[in-house]
Amino acid sequence: MGTGRILEITAPEQLEPLGAVGALPLVTPNELIGHTPDAHWVLVEDAGAPVGRCSLWWNQAPPWPGHRLGVIGHYAVRDGVAARALLQHACEQLRAHGCTLAVGPMDGTTWRRYRFIVERGSEPVFLLEPDNPDEWPAHFLAEGFAPLARYTSALNPNLTQEDGRAERAAARLAGRGIRIRTLDPATLERDLHRIYALSVISFRNNILYVPTTEREFTDQYRQILPHVRPELVLLAEDESGLVGFLFALPDLLQARRGERVDTIIFKTAAVLPARSHAGLGSLLVARCHALARDLGYRRAIHALMHEGNNSRNISNRTAQTIRRYALFARSLGP
């Protein structure tokens, strides 16, 4: 690669000539503007072709006890040589802006793309799953990063299995006025607003949580709505409003591979934290399994669960881990 050059990109117009001379995919103008990074860098080889890129966030980074966090995201490189130069530059920049801990890969917040696949397993990538070349985690490890948080996806290969705890909870929750319905396209806008409000409350204790705007949240969901079957989106309500939801959709990547679409993906599930809602998460999962089975699906993927979350405890009753992921961190101290 020679010495190469690292270019700071401050406007979308700078991306077009770079994209014309190299095979490395660049960030989109929408990502550069909408994700509001504090800096975006592209590493180019001597001939001018891009071989690496990343964005940095330090002004609006998530909190972390005892540290000022800096975030590395929008990460892509051609090879290990480019990775070393880019990650060293990123850490130097974050340190220069007062950060004491670098975290990545994360596109600014956990509401967007983050984590690397670190154990791929034998199952193919599923719809909406973040993918990466298998060598990219090693790039971070080589520069002194270590796993900060670990995640898994799990597969339930048999939707005829029943969760006895969930069914025992059903009568108790019904007695407390909680009813479960499927998504109604006629009330979609109202329901998206309520799903956003519940998510902000339910996820606020998650690792590296920062709030997101309702516009960004609903824009993300609207992008996938054309692929959604309303029967696989469950809303749990009582007299106060929405108290839980589960958002699932078919794995349409199976069709692109020429396979029968027989798998659904549990993208997101959330329940308001309250003792009166105990067991609701298990019930939503069990009901969605049953609905999917009745619609002709055979399998369900419980996607991208933090190892410490209650969702993983629920998943463990019926599903087995098929993939592992990690988010990495490195001290920027002296």
Foldseek 3Di string as FASTA:
>chain_A
DPPWDKDKDDAQVVVVVQVVAEDWDADHRCLCPVLPFPIKIFTAPPVRHTFWIWTKHQPLFFDDPPWREMEIEPTDGNDLVVLQVVVVVRLVVNVVVPTFKYWFDDSRAPLDDTWEFAFQFDDDDFPPDDYDPNCVVVSCVVVAKDFPFKWFKWKQQALVDADPLLVVVVVLLVVVAKDKDFDDPVCVVVVLVVVLVQCCQFCCPPPRDDHDDSVVSVVVVVVCVVQADRLLKMFIAGPVGTFKIWGKGWRCVCVVVVHDGQEMEGPDIGGRDDPSCPSVRLNSVSVSSVSSVVVRHRMYMDDIGTPPDVNVVSCVVRIDTRTMIGMIMHTSDD
